[in-house]
Amino acid sequence: MSNRILIDPHTFARQKERIGGTVSPADLHERTHSPDLADLSATLAYSLQGGTDALQRPFLQLHLHGTLPVYCQRCMQPMDFVVDENVRIVLFADEQALDCAMLADETLEGMVAADETDVYTLLEDQLLMALPFSPKHGEDCQNGRFADALRRPNPFAVLAGLQKTD
């Protein structure tokens, strides 16, 4: 966590600055160290671009992408999870302006900008929102008990049969 990148978000947006690089969950705060992650050293690429939208509001465009190995919650074997997050975060001077804008546009992603923002904190937030709550393989999961459960008759089918015999 020692390699933090601090920016002035308003200056960054106004000057249309751009930064990018790679980051691994191990580089980020412990809150991103989910037990579902199979390898904390896997890397994700990121880019952060500043700009101004059509309403002359400053924004940060964050793109985070790559593949993270996570544990399937059915078979507990590693599987690849593709991260491809692209978000525009509109910057506001105060909470009231943010609230008004978010009421007007429910799809808006916004934040109250401080004088200094840690890029890694933005990356951590996006990674946490991207990770699945309970990662699972599809129906091709190698867990034998899962396959057996799919083949087993549904116990509620018996109840449905009882209702029809009335």
N, C-alpha and C. Protein backbone atom coordinates (compact mmCIF):
# COMPACT_ATOMS: atom_id res chain seq x y z
N MET A 1 0.80 -1.20 0.00
CA MET A 1 0.00 0.00 0.00
C MET A 1 0.85 1.26 0.00
N SER A 2 2.13 1.13 -0.15
CA SER A 2 2.99 2.32 -0.09
C SER A 2 3.05 3.07 -1.42
N ASN A 3 2.65 2.47 -2.50
CA ASN A 3 2.74 3.11 -3.82
C ASN A 3 1.44 3.83 -4.17
N ARG A 4 1.03 4.77 -3.36
CA ARG A 4 -0.21 5.49 -3.61
C ARG A 4 0.02 6.57 -4.66
N ILE A 5 -1.01 6.86 -5.44
CA ILE A 5 -0.96 7.91 -6.46
C ILE A 5 -1.99 8.96 -6.08
N LEU A 6 -1.53 10.14 -5.71
CA LEU A 6 -2.43 11.21 -5.30
C LEU A 6 -2.57 12.23 -6.41
N ILE A 7 -3.82 12.64 -6.66
CA ILE A 7 -4.10 13.65 -7.69
C ILE A 7 -5.01 14.72 -7.11
N ASP A 8 -4.98 15.89 -7.70
CA ASP A 8 -5.98 16.92 -7.45
C ASP A 8 -7.04 16.68 -8.53
N PRO A 9 -8.20 16.12 -8.18
CA PRO A 9 -9.16 15.70 -9.20
C PRO A 9 -9.65 16.82 -10.11
N HIS A 10 -9.85 18.02 -9.56
CA HIS A 10 -10.33 19.13 -10.39
C HIS A 10 -9.28 19.55 -11.41
N THR A 11 -8.04 19.67 -11.00
CA THR A 11 -6.96 20.02 -11.93
C THR A 11 -6.77 18.91 -12.95
N PHE A 12 -6.81 17.66 -12.49
CA PHE A 12 -6.64 16.50 -13.36
C PHE A 12 -7.71 16.51 -14.46
N ALA A 13 -8.96 16.79 -14.08
CA ALA A 13 -10.06 16.82 -15.05
C ALA A 13 -9.94 18.02 -15.98
N ARG A 14 -9.69 19.18 -15.41
CA ARG A 14 -9.62 20.41 -16.20
C ARG A 14 -8.50 20.34 -17.25
N GLN A 15 -7.36 19.76 -16.89
CA GLN A 15 -6.23 19.68 -17.81
C GLN A 15 -6.26 18.41 -18.66
N LYS A 16 -7.34 17.64 -18.53
CA LYS A 16 -7.53 16.41 -19.31
C LYS A 16 -6.31 15.48 -19.21
N GLU A 17 -5.83 15.34 -18.00
CA GLU A 17 -4.67 14.48 -17.77
C GLU A 17 -5.06 13.02 -17.89
N ARG A 18 -4.05 12.18 -18.04
CA ARG A 18 -4.28 10.74 -18.20
C ARG A 18 -3.14 10.00 -17.52
N ILE A 19 -3.51 8.98 -16.75
CA ILE A 19 -2.51 8.08 -16.19
C ILE A 19 -3.00 6.66 -16.37
N GLY A 20 -2.11 5.72 -16.28
CA GLY A 20 -2.48 4.32 -16.41
C GLY A 20 -1.37 3.45 -15.88
N GLY A 21 -1.66 2.19 -15.78
CA GLY A 21 -0.67 1.24 -15.30
C GLY A 21 -1.32 -0.08 -14.96
N THR A 22 -0.65 -0.83 -14.13
CA THR A 22 -1.19 -2.10 -13.67
C THR A 22 -1.20 -2.10 -12.15
N VAL A 23 -2.09 -2.88 -11.61
CA VAL A 23 -2.23 -2.99 -10.16
C VAL A 23 -2.70 -4.40 -9.83
N SER A 24 -2.28 -4.92 -8.71
CA SER A 24 -2.77 -6.22 -8.25
C SER A 24 -3.53 -6.01 -6.95
N PRO A 25 -4.44 -6.91 -6.61
CA PRO A 25 -5.15 -6.77 -5.34
C PRO A 25 -4.20 -6.68 -4.14
N ALA A 26 -3.04 -7.31 -4.24
CA ALA A 26 -2.06 -7.24 -3.14
C ALA A 26 -1.57 -5.82 -2.92
N ASP A 27 -1.59 -4.98 -3.98
CA ASP A 27 -1.16 -3.58 -3.86
C ASP A 27 -2.22 -2.70 -3.21
N LEU A 28 -3.43 -3.20 -3.15
CA LEU A 28 -4.56 -2.40 -2.68
C LEU A 28 -4.83 -2.66 -1.20
N HIS A 29 -5.75 -1.91 -0.65
CA HIS A 29 -6.12 -2.03 0.76
C HIS A 29 -6.67 -3.43 1.05
N GLU A 30 -6.51 -3.87 2.28
CA GLU A 30 -6.96 -5.20 2.69
C GLU A 30 -8.43 -5.46 2.43
N ARG A 31 -9.24 -4.40 2.36
CA ARG A 31 -10.68 -4.60 2.14
C ARG A 31 -10.96 -5.25 0.79
N THR A 32 -9.99 -5.21 -0.13
CA THR A 32 -10.18 -5.87 -1.43
C THR A 32 -9.67 -7.30 -1.43
N HIS A 33 -9.11 -7.76 -0.32
CA HIS A 33 -8.55 -9.11 -0.25
C HIS A 33 -9.64 -10.11 0.08
N SER A 34 -10.53 -10.30 -0.84
CA SER A 34 -11.64 -11.22 -0.67
C SER A 34 -11.13 -12.66 -0.56
N PRO A 35 -11.75 -13.47 0.30
CA PRO A 35 -11.36 -14.88 0.36
C PRO A 35 -11.66 -15.62 -0.95
N ASP A 36 -12.48 -15.01 -1.80
CA ASP A 36 -12.78 -15.62 -3.10
C ASP A 36 -11.63 -15.47 -4.08
N LEU A 37 -10.70 -14.57 -3.83
CA LEU A 37 -9.57 -14.37 -4.75
C LEU A 37 -8.56 -15.50 -4.57
N ALA A 38 -8.25 -16.20 -5.66
CA ALA A 38 -7.32 -17.31 -5.60
C ALA A 38 -5.87 -16.85 -5.66
N ASP A 39 -5.62 -15.66 -6.19
CA ASP A 39 -4.25 -15.18 -6.35
C ASP A 39 -4.23 -13.66 -6.23
N LEU A 40 -3.70 -13.16 -5.12
CA LEU A 40 -3.66 -11.72 -4.89
C LEU A 40 -2.63 -11.02 -5.77
N SER A 41 -1.75 -11.79 -6.41
CA SER A 41 -0.71 -11.16 -7.23
C SER A 41 -1.13 -10.99 -8.70
N ALA A 42 -2.31 -11.47 -9.07
CA ALA A 42 -2.80 -11.28 -10.44
C ALA A 42 -2.90 -9.78 -10.71
N THR A 43 -2.67 -9.37 -11.95
CA THR A 43 -2.67 -7.94 -12.24
C THR A 43 -3.85 -7.52 -13.11
N LEU A 44 -4.27 -6.29 -12.87
CA LEU A 44 -5.31 -5.65 -13.66
C LEU A 44 -4.71 -4.38 -14.25
N ALA A 45 -5.10 -4.06 -15.46
CA ALA A 45 -4.66 -2.81 -16.09
C ALA A 45 -5.71 -1.74 -15.79
N TYR A 46 -5.24 -0.51 -15.64
CA TYR A 46 -6.17 0.59 -15.40
C TYR A 46 -5.74 1.82 -16.17
N SER A 47 -6.72 2.67 -16.46
CA SER A 47 -6.43 3.99 -17.01
C SER A 47 -7.41 4.97 -16.37
N LEU A 48 -6.92 6.17 -16.13
CA LEU A 48 -7.74 7.23 -15.56
C LEU A 48 -7.53 8.46 -16.42
N GLN A 49 -8.64 8.97 -16.97
CA GLN A 49 -8.60 10.13 -17.87
C GLN A 49 -9.50 11.21 -17.30
N GLY A 50 -9.02 12.43 -17.27
CA GLY A 50 -9.83 13.55 -16.82
C GLY A 50 -10.51 14.23 -17.99
N GLY A 51 -11.57 14.95 -17.73
CA GLY A 51 -12.26 15.68 -18.78
C GLY A 51 -13.41 16.49 -18.23
N THR A 52 -14.16 17.10 -19.14
CA THR A 52 -15.32 17.90 -18.79
C THR A 52 -16.48 17.44 -19.67
N ASP A 53 -17.65 17.20 -19.07
CA ASP A 53 -18.79 16.71 -19.85
C ASP A 53 -19.53 17.86 -20.54
N ALA A 54 -20.62 17.53 -21.22
CA ALA A 54 -21.39 18.52 -21.98
C ALA A 54 -21.99 19.61 -21.09
N LEU A 55 -22.17 19.31 -19.81
CA LEU A 55 -22.71 20.29 -18.86
C LEU A 55 -21.59 21.05 -18.15
N GLN A 56 -20.38 20.93 -18.67
CA GLN A 56 -19.19 21.60 -18.12
C GLN A 56 -18.85 21.13 -16.70
N ARG A 57 -19.20 19.88 -16.39
CA ARG A 57 -18.84 19.31 -15.09
C ARG A 57 -17.56 18.50 -15.25
N PRO A 58 -16.61 18.64 -14.34
CA PRO A 58 -15.39 17.85 -14.42
C PRO A 58 -15.69 16.38 -14.11
N PHE A 59 -14.97 15.48 -14.77
CA PHE A 59 -15.17 14.05 -14.51
C PHE A 59 -13.85 13.31 -14.59
N LEU A 60 -13.86 12.11 -14.01
CA LEU A 60 -12.76 11.16 -14.12
C LEU A 60 -13.31 9.92 -14.79
N GLN A 61 -12.70 9.50 -15.90
CA GLN A 61 -13.12 8.29 -16.61
C GLN A 61 -12.15 7.18 -16.20
N LEU A 62 -12.66 6.17 -15.51
CA LEU A 62 -11.83 5.09 -14.99
C LEU A 62 -12.14 3.80 -15.74
N HIS A 63 -11.10 3.15 -16.25
CA HIS A 63 -11.25 1.85 -16.90
C HIS A 63 -10.34 0.88 -16.18
N LEU A 64 -10.90 -0.22 -15.71
CA LEU A 64 -10.18 -1.26 -14.99
C LEU A 64 -10.49 -2.57 -15.67
N HIS A 65 -9.45 -3.26 -16.17
CA HIS A 65 -9.73 -4.51 -16.87
C HIS A 65 -8.61 -5.52 -16.68
N GLY A 66 -9.00 -6.78 -16.80
CA GLY A 66 -8.06 -7.89 -16.66
C GLY A 66 -8.81 -9.12 -16.20
N THR A 67 -8.06 -10.13 -15.82
CA THR A 67 -8.64 -11.39 -15.38
C THR A 67 -8.10 -11.73 -14.00
N LEU A 68 -9.00 -12.03 -13.08
CA LEU A 68 -8.61 -12.42 -11.73
C LEU A 68 -9.02 -13.87 -11.49
N PRO A 69 -8.14 -14.68 -10.93
CA PRO A 69 -8.54 -16.03 -10.54
C PRO A 69 -9.32 -15.97 -9.22
N VAL A 70 -10.52 -16.50 -9.23
CA VAL A 70 -11.35 -16.56 -8.03
C VAL A 70 -11.74 -18.01 -7.79
N TYR A 71 -12.15 -18.32 -6.56
CA TYR A 71 -12.58 -19.68 -6.24
C TYR A 71 -14.07 -19.84 -6.51
N CYS A 72 -14.40 -20.88 -7.27
CA CYS A 72 -15.80 -21.25 -7.50
C CYS A 72 -16.37 -21.69 -6.15
N GLN A 73 -17.54 -21.22 -5.80
CA GLN A 73 -18.14 -21.55 -4.51
C GLN A 73 -18.86 -22.90 -4.52
N ARG A 74 -18.89 -23.56 -5.68
CA ARG A 74 -19.45 -24.91 -5.74
C ARG A 74 -18.37 -25.96 -5.57
N CYS A 75 -17.29 -25.83 -6.35
CA CYS A 75 -16.25 -26.86 -6.36
C CYS A 75 -14.97 -26.42 -5.66
N MET A 76 -14.87 -25.13 -5.29
CA MET A 76 -13.71 -24.55 -4.63
C MET A 76 -12.43 -24.63 -5.47
N GLN A 77 -12.59 -24.74 -6.79
CA GLN A 77 -11.46 -24.72 -7.71
C GLN A 77 -11.34 -23.32 -8.31
N PRO A 78 -10.10 -22.91 -8.64
CA PRO A 78 -9.93 -21.58 -9.25
C PRO A 78 -10.61 -21.50 -10.61
N MET A 79 -11.13 -20.34 -10.90
CA MET A 79 -11.72 -20.06 -12.21
C MET A 79 -11.39 -18.61 -12.55
N ASP A 80 -11.37 -18.29 -13.81
CA ASP A 80 -11.06 -16.93 -14.24
C ASP A 80 -12.31 -16.07 -14.20
N PHE A 81 -12.16 -14.89 -13.64
CA PHE A 81 -13.24 -13.90 -13.62
C PHE A 81 -12.74 -12.68 -14.37
N VAL A 82 -13.44 -12.29 -15.41
CA VAL A 82 -13.04 -11.16 -16.24
C VAL A 82 -13.58 -9.87 -15.62
N VAL A 83 -12.67 -8.94 -15.36
CA VAL A 83 -13.03 -7.61 -14.86
C VAL A 83 -12.93 -6.65 -16.04
N ASP A 84 -14.00 -5.95 -16.34
CA ASP A 84 -13.98 -4.93 -17.40
C ASP A 84 -14.92 -3.81 -16.97
N GLU A 85 -14.42 -2.96 -16.11
CA GLU A 85 -15.20 -1.86 -15.55
C GLU A 85 -14.82 -0.56 -16.23
N ASN A 86 -15.80 0.17 -16.68
CA ASN A 86 -15.58 1.47 -17.30
C ASN A 86 -16.61 2.42 -16.69
N VAL A 87 -16.14 3.39 -15.93
CA VAL A 87 -17.06 4.27 -15.22
C VAL A 87 -16.61 5.72 -15.35
N ARG A 88 -17.60 6.59 -15.50
CA ARG A 88 -17.34 8.04 -15.51
C ARG A 88 -17.84 8.58 -14.17
N ILE A 89 -16.92 9.15 -13.41
CA ILE A 89 -17.24 9.70 -12.10
C ILE A 89 -17.24 11.22 -12.21
N VAL A 90 -18.42 11.81 -12.10
CA VAL A 90 -18.56 13.26 -12.19
C VAL A 90 -18.22 13.86 -10.83
N LEU A 91 -17.44 14.93 -10.85
CA LEU A 91 -16.96 15.56 -9.62
C LEU A 91 -17.85 16.73 -9.22
N PHE A 92 -18.16 16.81 -7.93
CA PHE A 92 -18.99 17.88 -7.41
C PHE A 92 -18.29 18.56 -6.24
N ALA A 93 -18.61 19.83 -6.04
CA ALA A 93 -17.98 20.62 -4.98
C ALA A 93 -18.54 20.30 -3.60
N ASP A 94 -19.83 19.92 -3.55
CA ASP A 94 -20.43 19.65 -2.25
C ASP A 94 -21.51 18.58 -2.37
N GLU A 95 -21.94 18.09 -1.22
CA GLU A 95 -22.93 17.02 -1.15
C GLU A 95 -24.27 17.43 -1.74
N GLN A 96 -24.66 18.67 -1.56
CA GLN A 96 -25.95 19.15 -2.06
C GLN A 96 -25.99 19.13 -3.59
N ALA A 97 -24.92 19.58 -4.23
CA ALA A 97 -24.86 19.56 -5.70
C ALA A 97 -24.88 18.12 -6.21
N LEU A 98 -24.18 17.23 -5.52
CA LEU A 98 -24.16 15.82 -5.89
C LEU A 98 -25.56 15.23 -5.78
N ASP A 99 -26.24 15.47 -4.66
CA ASP A 99 -27.59 14.94 -4.45
C ASP A 99 -28.56 15.42 -5.53
N CYS A 100 -28.51 16.71 -5.85
CA CYS A 100 -29.41 17.27 -6.88
C CYS A 100 -29.15 16.61 -8.23
N ALA A 101 -27.89 16.46 -8.58
CA ALA A 101 -27.55 15.86 -9.87
C ALA A 101 -27.97 14.39 -9.93
N MET A 102 -27.80 13.68 -8.83
CA MET A 102 -28.16 12.26 -8.82
C MET A 102 -29.68 12.06 -8.83
N LEU A 103 -30.42 13.00 -8.27
CA LEU A 103 -31.88 12.93 -8.36
C LEU A 103 -32.34 13.17 -9.79
N ALA A 104 -31.65 14.03 -10.50
CA ALA A 104 -32.00 14.34 -11.89
C ALA A 104 -31.59 13.23 -12.85
N ASP A 105 -30.55 12.48 -12.50
CA ASP A 105 -30.03 11.42 -13.39
C ASP A 105 -29.64 10.22 -12.54
N GLU A 106 -30.50 9.21 -12.51
CA GLU A 106 -30.27 8.03 -11.67
C GLU A 106 -29.06 7.22 -12.10
N THR A 107 -28.62 7.35 -13.34
CA THR A 107 -27.47 6.58 -13.82
C THR A 107 -26.14 7.26 -13.53
N LEU A 108 -26.19 8.45 -13.00
CA LEU A 108 -24.98 9.23 -12.74
C LEU A 108 -24.13 8.60 -11.65
N GLU A 109 -22.84 8.50 -11.92
CA GLU A 109 -21.85 8.14 -10.90
C GLU A 109 -21.16 9.43 -10.52
N GLY A 110 -21.18 9.79 -9.27
CA GLY A 110 -20.57 11.04 -8.86
C GLY A 110 -19.93 10.94 -7.50
N MET A 111 -19.11 11.93 -7.19
CA MET A 111 -18.50 12.00 -5.87
C MET A 111 -18.16 13.45 -5.55
N VAL A 112 -18.12 13.73 -4.27
CA VAL A 112 -17.66 15.04 -3.82
C VAL A 112 -16.14 14.98 -3.86
N ALA A 113 -15.54 15.86 -4.64
CA ALA A 113 -14.10 15.82 -4.83
C ALA A 113 -13.38 16.56 -3.72
N ALA A 114 -12.39 15.90 -3.16
CA ALA A 114 -11.53 16.53 -2.16
C ALA A 114 -10.39 17.23 -2.90
N ASP A 115 -9.56 17.94 -2.16
CA ASP A 115 -8.41 18.59 -2.78
C ASP A 115 -7.41 17.57 -3.29
N GLU A 116 -7.42 16.39 -2.66
CA GLU A 116 -6.49 15.33 -3.02
C GLU A 116 -7.25 14.01 -3.03
N THR A 117 -7.12 13.26 -4.10
CA THR A 117 -7.79 11.97 -4.22
C THR A 117 -6.75 10.91 -4.51
N ASP A 118 -6.88 9.77 -3.84
CA ASP A 118 -5.98 8.64 -4.04
C ASP A 118 -6.54 7.77 -5.17
N VAL A 119 -5.79 7.63 -6.24
CA VAL A 119 -6.24 6.83 -7.39
C VAL A 119 -6.48 5.39 -6.96
N TYR A 120 -5.65 4.86 -6.07
CA TYR A 120 -5.83 3.48 -5.63
C TYR A 120 -7.16 3.29 -4.90
N THR A 121 -7.64 4.31 -4.21
CA THR A 121 -8.94 4.21 -3.55
C THR A 121 -10.05 4.09 -4.60
N LEU A 122 -9.94 4.83 -5.69
CA LEU A 122 -10.91 4.69 -6.79
C LEU A 122 -10.86 3.28 -7.37
N LEU A 123 -9.64 2.75 -7.55
CA LEU A 123 -9.48 1.39 -8.09
C LEU A 123 -10.07 0.36 -7.12
N GLU A 124 -9.82 0.53 -5.83
CA GLU A 124 -10.37 -0.39 -4.83
C GLU A 124 -11.89 -0.41 -4.88
N ASP A 125 -12.49 0.77 -4.95
CA ASP A 125 -13.96 0.85 -5.00
C ASP A 125 -14.51 0.14 -6.23
N GLN A 126 -13.90 0.35 -7.38
CA GLN A 126 -14.38 -0.29 -8.61
C GLN A 126 -14.19 -1.79 -8.56
N LEU A 127 -13.06 -2.24 -8.01
CA LEU A 127 -12.83 -3.68 -7.91
C LEU A 127 -13.85 -4.32 -6.99
N LEU A 128 -14.14 -3.70 -5.87
CA LEU A 128 -15.13 -4.25 -4.95
C LEU A 128 -16.52 -4.35 -5.60
N MET A 129 -16.86 -3.37 -6.40
CA MET A 129 -18.17 -3.40 -7.07
C MET A 129 -18.19 -4.43 -8.21
N ALA A 130 -17.03 -4.73 -8.77
CA ALA A 130 -16.97 -5.66 -9.90
C ALA A 130 -16.98 -7.12 -9.47
N LEU A 131 -16.41 -7.41 -8.30
CA LEU A 131 -16.30 -8.81 -7.87
C LEU A 131 -17.68 -9.40 -7.59
N PRO A 132 -17.90 -10.64 -8.04
CA PRO A 132 -19.20 -11.28 -7.78
C PRO A 132 -19.33 -11.62 -6.29
N PHE A 133 -20.56 -11.63 -5.82
CA PHE A 133 -20.82 -11.97 -4.42
C PHE A 133 -20.44 -13.41 -4.14
N SER A 134 -20.78 -14.30 -5.06
CA SER A 134 -20.49 -15.72 -4.90
C SER A 134 -20.12 -16.30 -6.27
N PRO A 135 -18.83 -16.26 -6.63
CA PRO A 135 -18.44 -16.72 -7.97
C PRO A 135 -18.69 -18.21 -8.15
N LYS A 136 -19.20 -18.56 -9.31
CA LYS A 136 -19.48 -19.97 -9.62
C LYS A 136 -19.22 -20.24 -11.09
N HIS A 137 -18.73 -21.46 -11.36
CA HIS A 137 -18.68 -21.92 -12.74
C HIS A 137 -20.12 -22.00 -13.25
N GLY A 138 -20.28 -22.15 -14.54
CA GLY A 138 -21.61 -22.39 -15.09
C GLY A 138 -22.03 -23.81 -14.76
N GLU A 139 -22.90 -24.37 -15.55
CA GLU A 139 -23.35 -25.74 -15.31
C GLU A 139 -22.27 -26.76 -15.61
N ASP A 140 -21.13 -26.33 -16.14
CA ASP A 140 -20.02 -27.23 -16.41
C ASP A 140 -19.09 -27.38 -15.20
N CYS A 141 -19.55 -27.01 -14.02
CA CYS A 141 -18.76 -27.09 -12.79
C CYS A 141 -18.38 -28.55 -12.54
N GLN A 142 -17.16 -28.76 -12.10
CA GLN A 142 -16.64 -30.12 -11.90
C GLN A 142 -17.02 -30.72 -10.55
N ASN A 143 -17.84 -30.06 -9.77
CA ASN A 143 -18.28 -30.58 -8.49
C ASN A 143 -19.30 -31.68 -8.76
N GLY A 144 -18.97 -32.92 -8.41
CA GLY A 144 -19.84 -34.06 -8.67
C GLY A 144 -21.17 -33.96 -7.96
N ARG A 145 -21.18 -33.44 -6.74
CA ARG A 145 -22.43 -33.30 -6.00
C ARG A 145 -23.37 -32.30 -6.67
N PHE A 146 -22.82 -31.28 -7.33
CA PHE A 146 -23.65 -30.32 -8.05
C PHE A 146 -24.34 -31.01 -9.22
N ALA A 147 -23.59 -31.84 -9.96
CA ALA A 147 -24.18 -32.57 -11.08
C ALA A 147 -25.27 -33.52 -10.59
N ASP A 148 -25.03 -34.19 -9.45
CA ASP A 148 -26.04 -35.09 -8.89
C ASP A 148 -27.31 -34.32 -8.52
N ALA A 149 -27.13 -33.14 -7.95
CA ALA A 149 -28.29 -32.33 -7.55
C ALA A 149 -29.11 -31.92 -8.76
N LEU A 150 -28.46 -31.67 -9.88
CA LEU A 150 -29.20 -31.31 -11.10
C LEU A 150 -30.01 -32.48 -11.64
N ARG A 151 -29.50 -33.71 -11.44
CA ARG A 151 -30.19 -34.90 -11.96
C ARG A 151 -31.31 -35.38 -11.02
N ARG A 152 -31.22 -35.04 -9.75
CA ARG A 152 -32.18 -35.50 -8.76
C ARG A 152 -33.55 -34.87 -9.03
N PRO A 153 -34.63 -35.64 -8.86
CA PRO A 153 -35.96 -35.06 -9.10
C PRO A 153 -36.26 -33.96 -8.09
N ASN A 154 -37.00 -33.01 -8.53
CA ASN A 154 -37.37 -31.87 -7.70
C ASN A 154 -38.41 -32.33 -6.68
N PRO A 155 -38.16 -32.15 -5.37
CA PRO A 155 -39.13 -32.62 -4.36
C PRO A 155 -40.48 -31.90 -4.47
N PHE A 156 -40.51 -30.74 -5.03
CA PHE A 156 -41.77 -30.02 -5.17
C PHE A 156 -42.61 -30.58 -6.32
N ALA A 157 -41.98 -31.34 -7.20
CA ALA A 157 -42.74 -31.97 -8.28
C ALA A 157 -43.74 -32.97 -7.70
N VAL A 158 -43.38 -33.66 -6.61
CA VAL A 158 -44.28 -34.60 -5.95
C VAL A 158 -45.50 -33.84 -5.41
N LEU A 159 -45.28 -32.69 -4.81
CA LEU A 159 -46.39 -31.89 -4.30
C LEU A 159 -47.31 -31.44 -5.42
N ALA A 160 -46.74 -31.08 -6.54
CA ALA A 160 -47.55 -30.67 -7.68
C ALA A 160 -48.42 -31.83 -8.14
N GLY A 161 -47.88 -33.04 -8.10
CA GLY A 161 -48.65 -34.22 -8.48
C GLY A 161 -49.79 -34.48 -7.52
N LEU A 162 -49.60 -34.25 -6.24
CA LEU A 162 -50.66 -34.44 -5.25
C LEU A 162 -51.80 -33.47 -5.46
N GLN A 163 -51.49 -32.24 -5.83
CA GLN A 163 -52.53 -31.24 -6.06
C GLN A 163 -53.39 -31.61 -7.25
N LYS A 164 -52.81 -32.22 -8.26
CA LYS A 164 -53.56 -32.56 -9.47
C LYS A 164 -54.50 -33.73 -9.26
N THR A 165 -54.28 -34.58 -8.25
CA THR A 165 -55.12 -35.76 -8.05
C THR A 165 -56.41 -35.45 -7.30
N ASP A 166 -56.58 -34.25 -6.81
CA ASP A 166 -57.82 -33.88 -6.08
C ASP A 166 -59.02 -34.00 -6.92
